[in-house]
Amino acid sequence: MPVVLDPDAAFVLNAFREAGRPPYETLTPKEAREFYLAGRVVSHPEPPELASVQNTTIPGPGGAIPVRTYTPKQLRKYDGLAPALVFFHGGGWVIGDLDSHDVVCRTLARDGEMIVISVDYRLAPEHKFPAAVDDAIAATKWVSLNAKSLGIDAGRISVGGDSAGGNLSAIVAIDARQNGPKIQAQLLIYPATDFAMTHPSHSEPETSCLLTHTVIRWFRDHYLNSLADGETWKASPARVTDMKQLPPAYVLTAGADPLRDEGDEYAKRLESAGVPVTWKTYPGQFHGFITMGKLLTKANGAIKEMGDWLKKLG
């Protein structure tokens, strides 16, 4: 479908292109990670001040998992315990870490008035599928099992993330439906839901910006052991046939995003299964825009809306 970028999004895209930044697929994963983090200075807004930000580790199936816990100054409590969001960062399962999404997590903690626990799951290609999935599931279960000692209400734990993190969040929610723990809600920010990559948005020229069609395949090839992995729901949550009784979802998509149709279709299927869905689309924005609040005003508004939604969950 025709895509017209918002003026500020078009300005940012042109600036990135004129800067001559190398495509990720021309770099090694290590170089790509360093390059991705370097962009924080240019695009990330000032981090909100919180009551506390703590780095620690929790046990995982492949060893200790680094996590960062964000506690806002204004914290909702129910019988002395707070709601929490277990957050998984984006980055194609290859790049990104606790620092790349630090401002997003701080802002969600502040606006949602809740504890946010960001999970630094294992990355590919050093740790291929299903390492990230295993870490995400294990981290969520650990938070639930240790909720009281963390000051968290075990009945008010949500999962969320952007892109690859949205993928992991959807998978955790599906797994928890059968295996626990109870998930209050899922926050899916332009989520990757189907490795088939056959939706129209994967071939439209207008969507191949910043997250290009080529780099998506670079991420896929680093993450999956083979294309057969992508046919399983633990890689492609859209492959689940029954979406009934999944937790309420907030699904955000962007018009100039190769993953747009995946997210839109996933939201529609959740709705059809009777799952309460808040579905927000930003037609004039591209993939990854929510981390660019220093340059894109709609990024800050989008996070505020997500925080408000999390607050309304109670």
Protein backbone atom coordinates (compact mmCIF):
# COMPACT_ATOMS: atom_id res chain seq x y z
CA MET A 1 0.00 0.00 0.00
CA PRO A 2 1.23 3.60 -0.54
CA VAL A 3 3.25 4.91 2.39
CA VAL A 4 3.93 8.58 3.08
CA LEU A 5 6.35 9.23 5.92
CA ASP A 6 5.63 11.95 8.45
CA PRO A 7 7.88 14.99 7.79
CA ASP A 8 10.12 14.34 10.80
CA ALA A 9 10.40 10.64 9.96
CA ALA A 10 11.35 11.50 6.37
CA PHE A 11 13.97 13.95 7.66
CA VAL A 12 15.48 11.31 9.96
CA LEU A 13 15.52 8.68 7.20
CA ASN A 14 17.26 11.09 4.79
CA ALA A 15 19.79 12.03 7.48
CA PHE A 16 20.65 8.39 8.09
CA ARG A 17 21.02 7.75 4.38
CA GLU A 18 23.18 10.84 3.80
CA ALA A 19 25.41 9.84 6.71
CA GLY A 20 26.41 6.78 4.68
CA ARG A 21 25.89 4.36 7.53
CA PRO A 22 26.93 0.85 6.44
CA PRO A 23 24.15 -1.74 6.09
CA TYR A 24 24.20 -4.23 8.96
CA GLU A 25 24.46 -7.12 6.50
CA THR A 26 27.91 -5.83 5.47
CA LEU A 27 29.15 -6.02 9.07
CA THR A 28 29.96 -8.79 11.49
CA PRO A 29 27.43 -9.24 14.31
CA LYS A 30 29.93 -7.70 16.76
CA GLU A 31 30.40 -4.66 14.52
CA ALA A 32 26.66 -4.34 14.01
CA ARG A 33 26.09 -4.33 17.78
CA GLU A 34 28.63 -1.57 18.29
CA PHE A 35 27.20 0.47 15.43
CA TYR A 36 23.66 0.08 16.76
CA LEU A 37 24.63 1.28 20.23
CA ALA A 38 26.54 4.26 18.81
CA GLY A 39 23.27 5.55 17.34
CA ARG A 40 21.83 6.07 20.82
CA VAL A 41 23.60 9.40 21.23
CA VAL A 42 21.89 10.82 18.16
CA SER A 43 18.35 9.50 18.56
CA HIS A 44 17.56 8.71 22.20
CA PRO A 45 15.98 11.37 24.43
CA GLU A 46 17.21 12.16 27.91
CA PRO A 47 16.51 9.28 30.30
CA PRO A 48 13.84 9.97 32.94
CA GLU A 49 14.98 9.94 36.54
CA LEU A 50 13.65 7.00 38.52
CA ALA A 51 13.72 5.91 42.15
CA SER A 52 16.23 3.17 41.31
CA VAL A 53 17.84 1.28 38.43
CA GLN A 54 19.61 -1.95 39.38
CA ASN A 55 21.70 -4.38 37.35
CA THR A 56 21.82 -8.00 38.42
CA THR A 57 21.65 -11.52 37.02
CA ILE A 58 19.12 -14.32 37.28
CA PRO A 59 19.58 -18.05 36.57
CA GLY A 60 18.88 -19.20 33.02
CA PRO A 61 19.09 -22.38 30.96
CA GLY A 62 22.41 -21.31 29.44
CA GLY A 63 23.88 -19.61 32.48
CA ALA A 64 23.29 -16.31 34.24
CA ILE A 65 21.00 -13.84 32.41
CA PRO A 66 21.74 -10.14 32.96
CA VAL A 67 18.66 -8.10 33.86
CA ARG A 68 18.04 -4.47 34.74
CA THR A 69 15.24 -3.54 37.12
CA TYR A 70 13.60 -0.11 36.89
CA THR A 71 11.55 1.28 39.79
CA PRO A 72 9.80 4.63 39.20
CA LYS A 73 9.32 7.36 41.78
CA GLN A 74 5.56 6.97 41.49
CA LEU A 75 4.80 3.26 41.86
CA ARG A 76 1.32 1.72 41.88
CA LYS A 77 0.77 -0.86 44.59
CA TYR A 78 -1.99 -3.34 45.37
CA ASP A 79 -1.85 -4.70 48.92
CA GLY A 80 1.75 -3.53 49.05
CA LEU A 81 2.86 -5.18 45.79
CA ALA A 82 3.48 -3.55 42.40
CA PRO A 83 2.66 -4.60 38.83
CA ALA A 84 5.61 -5.46 36.59
CA LEU A 85 6.54 -5.60 32.94
CA VAL A 86 9.15 -8.13 31.79
CA PHE A 87 10.69 -6.43 28.75
CA PHE A 88 12.60 -7.98 25.84
CA HIS A 89 14.58 -5.61 23.61
CA GLY A 90 14.51 -5.60 19.82
CA GLY A 91 17.43 -6.06 17.47
CA GLY A 92 16.66 -9.04 15.25
CA TRP A 93 17.86 -11.51 17.93
CA VAL A 94 21.40 -10.45 16.91
CA ILE A 95 21.92 -6.88 18.20
CA GLY A 96 20.60 -4.80 21.08
CA ASP A 97 21.04 -5.10 24.83
CA LEU A 98 20.03 -3.50 28.12
CA ASP A 99 21.55 -0.16 27.10
CA SER A 100 19.93 0.02 23.66
CA HIS A 101 16.46 0.13 25.24
CA ASP A 102 17.30 1.79 28.54
CA VAL A 103 15.32 4.99 27.86
CA VAL A 104 12.29 3.04 26.60
CA CYS A 105 12.25 0.93 29.77
CA ARG A 106 12.73 3.95 32.02
CA THR A 107 9.86 5.73 30.31
CA LEU A 108 7.52 2.73 30.46
CA ALA A 109 8.31 2.36 34.18
CA ARG A 110 7.57 6.03 34.81
CA ASP A 111 4.44 6.30 32.68
CA GLY A 112 3.08 2.88 33.66
CA GLU A 113 3.94 3.48 37.33
CA MET A 114 5.24 -0.06 37.50
CA ILE A 115 8.45 -2.07 37.89
CA VAL A 116 10.10 -2.92 34.57
CA ILE A 117 12.59 -5.78 34.34
CA SER A 118 14.61 -5.73 31.11
CA VAL A 119 16.08 -9.08 30.07
CA ASP A 120 19.43 -9.39 28.24
CA TYR A 121 18.68 -12.72 26.56
CA ARG A 122 21.36 -14.59 24.58
CA LEU A 123 22.00 -13.34 21.05
CA ALA A 124 22.66 -15.08 17.74
CA PRO A 125 24.68 -16.26 15.95
CA GLU A 126 26.64 -17.26 19.05
CA HIS A 127 23.41 -18.62 20.49
CA LYS A 128 20.93 -19.62 17.83
CA PHE A 129 17.24 -20.42 18.14
CA PRO A 130 15.78 -21.35 20.59
CA ALA A 131 18.27 -19.82 23.06
CA ALA A 132 16.52 -16.41 23.15
CA VAL A 133 13.13 -18.07 23.58
CA ASP A 134 14.39 -20.31 26.37
CA ASP A 135 15.87 -17.31 28.20
CA ALA A 136 12.69 -15.25 27.78
CA ILE A 137 10.49 -18.03 29.17
CA ALA A 138 12.90 -18.76 32.02
CA ALA A 139 13.21 -15.09 32.98
CA THR A 140 9.44 -14.60 33.09
CA LYS A 141 8.97 -17.70 35.24
CA TRP A 142 11.76 -16.56 37.57
CA VAL A 143 10.13 -13.15 38.05
CA SER A 144 6.82 -14.84 38.85
CA LEU A 145 8.36 -17.33 41.29
CA ASN A 146 10.29 -14.56 43.06
CA ALA A 147 7.61 -11.90 42.73
CA LYS A 148 6.93 -11.30 46.42
CA SER A 149 10.60 -10.83 47.30
CA LEU A 150 10.86 -8.37 44.40
CA GLY A 151 7.86 -6.40 45.65
CA ILE A 152 5.85 -7.57 42.62
CA ASP A 153 2.26 -8.80 42.45
CA ALA A 154 2.49 -12.22 40.74
CA GLY A 155 -1.00 -11.70 39.34
CA ARG A 156 0.00 -8.49 37.60
CA ILE A 157 3.00 -9.48 35.47
CA SER A 158 2.95 -8.44 31.81
CA VAL A 159 5.43 -9.14 29.02
CA GLY A 160 6.46 -6.79 26.25
CA GLY A 161 9.06 -5.78 23.74
CA ASP A 162 9.70 -4.39 20.30
CA SER A 163 10.42 -6.26 17.05
CA ALA A 164 12.35 -9.40 18.08
CA GLY A 165 11.31 -8.56 21.64
CA GLY A 166 7.68 -8.46 20.52
CA ASN A 167 8.21 -11.87 18.98
CA LEU A 168 9.57 -13.22 22.27
CA SER A 169 6.74 -11.61 24.25
CA ALA A 170 4.08 -13.25 22.08
CA ILE A 171 5.84 -16.62 22.42
CA VAL A 172 6.11 -16.29 26.21
CA ALA A 173 2.39 -15.51 26.39
CA ILE A 174 1.54 -18.57 24.28
CA ASP A 175 3.80 -20.84 26.32
CA ALA A 176 2.44 -19.50 29.61
CA ARG A 177 -1.13 -20.33 28.58
CA GLN A 178 -0.27 -23.99 29.17
CA ASN A 179 2.83 -23.94 31.35
CA GLY A 180 2.41 -20.76 33.41
CA PRO A 181 3.00 -18.31 34.89
CA LYS A 182 -0.09 -16.14 34.69
CA ILE A 183 0.49 -13.27 32.26
CA GLN A 184 -1.67 -10.20 32.75
CA ALA A 185 -1.05 -8.66 29.32
CA GLN A 186 1.29 -8.59 26.31
CA LEU A 187 2.77 -5.42 24.83
CA LEU A 188 3.71 -6.17 21.21
CA ILE A 189 5.59 -3.30 19.54
CA TYR A 190 5.90 -3.89 15.76
CA PRO A 191 6.35 -7.60 16.51
CA ALA A 192 7.94 -10.18 14.21
CA THR A 193 5.38 -12.97 14.10
CA ASP A 194 6.04 -15.11 11.00
CA PHE A 195 9.35 -16.10 9.41
CA ALA A 196 7.56 -17.02 6.18
CA MET A 197 7.96 -13.33 5.22
CA THR A 198 5.30 -13.60 2.54
CA HIS A 199 3.17 -10.61 3.57
CA PRO A 200 3.00 -7.71 1.06
CA SER A 201 4.89 -5.38 3.40
CA HIS A 202 7.96 -7.60 3.01
CA SER A 203 8.22 -6.65 -0.67
CA GLU A 204 6.94 -3.06 -0.89
CA PRO A 205 9.76 -0.60 -1.73
CA GLU A 206 8.36 1.96 0.75
CA THR A 207 8.85 -0.38 3.72
CA SER A 208 12.51 -1.14 3.02
CA CYS A 209 13.90 1.74 5.09
CA LEU A 210 16.25 1.47 8.07
CA LEU A 211 15.02 -2.10 8.67
CA THR A 212 15.45 -3.15 5.06
CA HIS A 213 14.17 -6.32 3.44
CA THR A 214 17.76 -7.48 3.06
CA VAL A 215 18.77 -6.96 6.68
CA ILE A 216 15.69 -8.85 7.90
CA ARG A 217 16.98 -11.91 6.08
CA TRP A 218 20.44 -11.31 7.55
CA PHE A 219 18.92 -11.39 11.02
CA ARG A 220 16.89 -14.48 10.16
CA ASP A 221 19.89 -16.38 8.83
CA HIS A 222 21.93 -15.60 11.95
CA TYR A 223 19.10 -16.56 14.30
CA LEU A 224 17.58 -19.73 12.84
CA ASN A 225 19.45 -23.00 12.44
CA SER A 226 17.43 -23.64 9.28
CA LEU A 227 14.27 -22.35 7.62
CA ALA A 228 12.45 -25.27 9.19
CA ASP A 229 12.81 -23.56 12.59
CA GLY A 230 10.67 -20.72 11.28
CA GLU A 231 7.76 -23.09 10.77
CA THR A 232 7.41 -23.67 14.52
CA TRP A 233 5.36 -21.41 16.81
CA LYS A 234 8.35 -20.89 19.10
CA ALA A 235 9.95 -18.95 16.24
CA SER A 236 6.80 -17.77 14.45
CA PRO A 237 3.99 -17.25 16.98
CA ALA A 238 1.55 -16.68 14.10
CA ARG A 239 1.81 -20.42 13.40
CA VAL A 240 -0.33 -21.08 16.48
CA THR A 241 -3.76 -22.15 15.28
CA ASP A 242 -5.68 -21.39 18.50
CA MET A 243 -5.31 -17.93 20.05
CA LYS A 244 -8.14 -18.24 22.55
CA GLN A 245 -7.48 -17.36 26.18
CA LEU A 246 -4.27 -15.47 25.47
CA PRO A 247 -3.74 -12.36 27.60
CA PRO A 248 -5.01 -8.92 26.50
CA ALA A 249 -2.69 -7.33 23.96
CA TYR A 250 -1.52 -3.91 22.89
CA VAL A 251 -0.25 -4.19 19.32
CA LEU A 252 1.63 -1.30 17.69
CA THR A 253 2.52 -1.24 14.00
CA ALA A 254 4.13 1.32 11.65
CA GLY A 255 3.23 2.02 8.04
CA ALA A 256 6.77 2.00 6.61
CA ASP A 257 7.73 -1.26 8.29
CA PRO A 258 8.37 -4.63 6.64
CA LEU A 259 6.74 -6.22 9.71
CA ARG A 260 3.59 -4.09 9.42
CA ASP A 261 1.35 -6.77 7.93
CA GLU A 262 2.58 -9.40 10.36
CA GLY A 263 1.61 -7.26 13.34
CA ASP A 264 -1.71 -6.18 11.84
CA GLU A 265 -2.70 -9.75 11.02
CA TYR A 266 -1.68 -10.96 14.47
CA ALA A 267 -3.84 -8.28 16.10
CA LYS A 268 -6.82 -9.27 13.92
CA ARG A 269 -6.41 -12.94 14.78
CA LEU A 270 -6.24 -12.17 18.50
CA GLU A 271 -9.43 -10.12 18.20
CA SER A 272 -11.16 -12.91 16.27
CA ALA A 273 -10.25 -15.32 19.07
CA GLY A 274 -11.95 -13.08 21.61
CA VAL A 275 -8.76 -11.62 23.09
CA PRO A 276 -9.10 -7.94 24.13
CA VAL A 277 -6.82 -5.98 21.78
CA THR A 278 -5.77 -2.36 21.69
CA TRP A 279 -4.40 -1.89 18.19
CA LYS A 280 -2.47 1.27 17.34
CA THR A 281 -0.89 1.99 13.96
CA TYR A 282 1.40 4.85 12.97
CA PRO A 283 1.09 5.14 9.17
CA GLY A 284 3.88 7.68 8.72
CA GLN A 285 6.56 6.04 10.86
CA PHE A 286 9.17 3.37 10.21
CA HIS A 287 10.35 0.33 12.15
CA GLY A 288 12.26 1.22 15.31
CA PHE A 289 10.81 4.68 15.73
CA ILE A 290 9.87 4.36 19.41
CA THR A 291 13.54 4.49 20.47
CA MET A 292 14.07 7.80 18.62
CA GLY A 293 12.25 10.23 20.90
CA LYS A 294 15.01 12.82 20.56
CA LEU A 295 14.15 13.15 16.85
CA LEU A 296 10.57 11.93 16.51
CA THR A 297 7.82 13.50 18.61
CA LYS A 298 5.43 10.63 17.90
CA ALA A 299 7.85 8.22 19.57
CA ASN A 300 7.33 9.94 22.92
CA GLY A 301 3.57 10.02 22.44
CA ALA A 302 3.53 6.32 21.53
CA ILE A 303 5.37 5.30 24.70
CA LYS A 304 3.09 7.53 26.79
CA GLU A 305 0.04 5.78 25.31
CA MET A 306 1.55 2.37 26.08
CA GLY A 307 2.28 3.44 29.64
CA ASP A 308 -1.28 4.68 30.05
CA TRP A 309 -2.60 1.35 28.71
CA LEU A 310 -0.47 -0.59 31.18
CA LYS A 311 -1.80 1.61 33.98
CA LYS A 312 -5.40 0.93 33.00
CA LEU A 313 -4.82 -2.79 33.42
CA GLY A 314 -4.76 -2.21 37.15
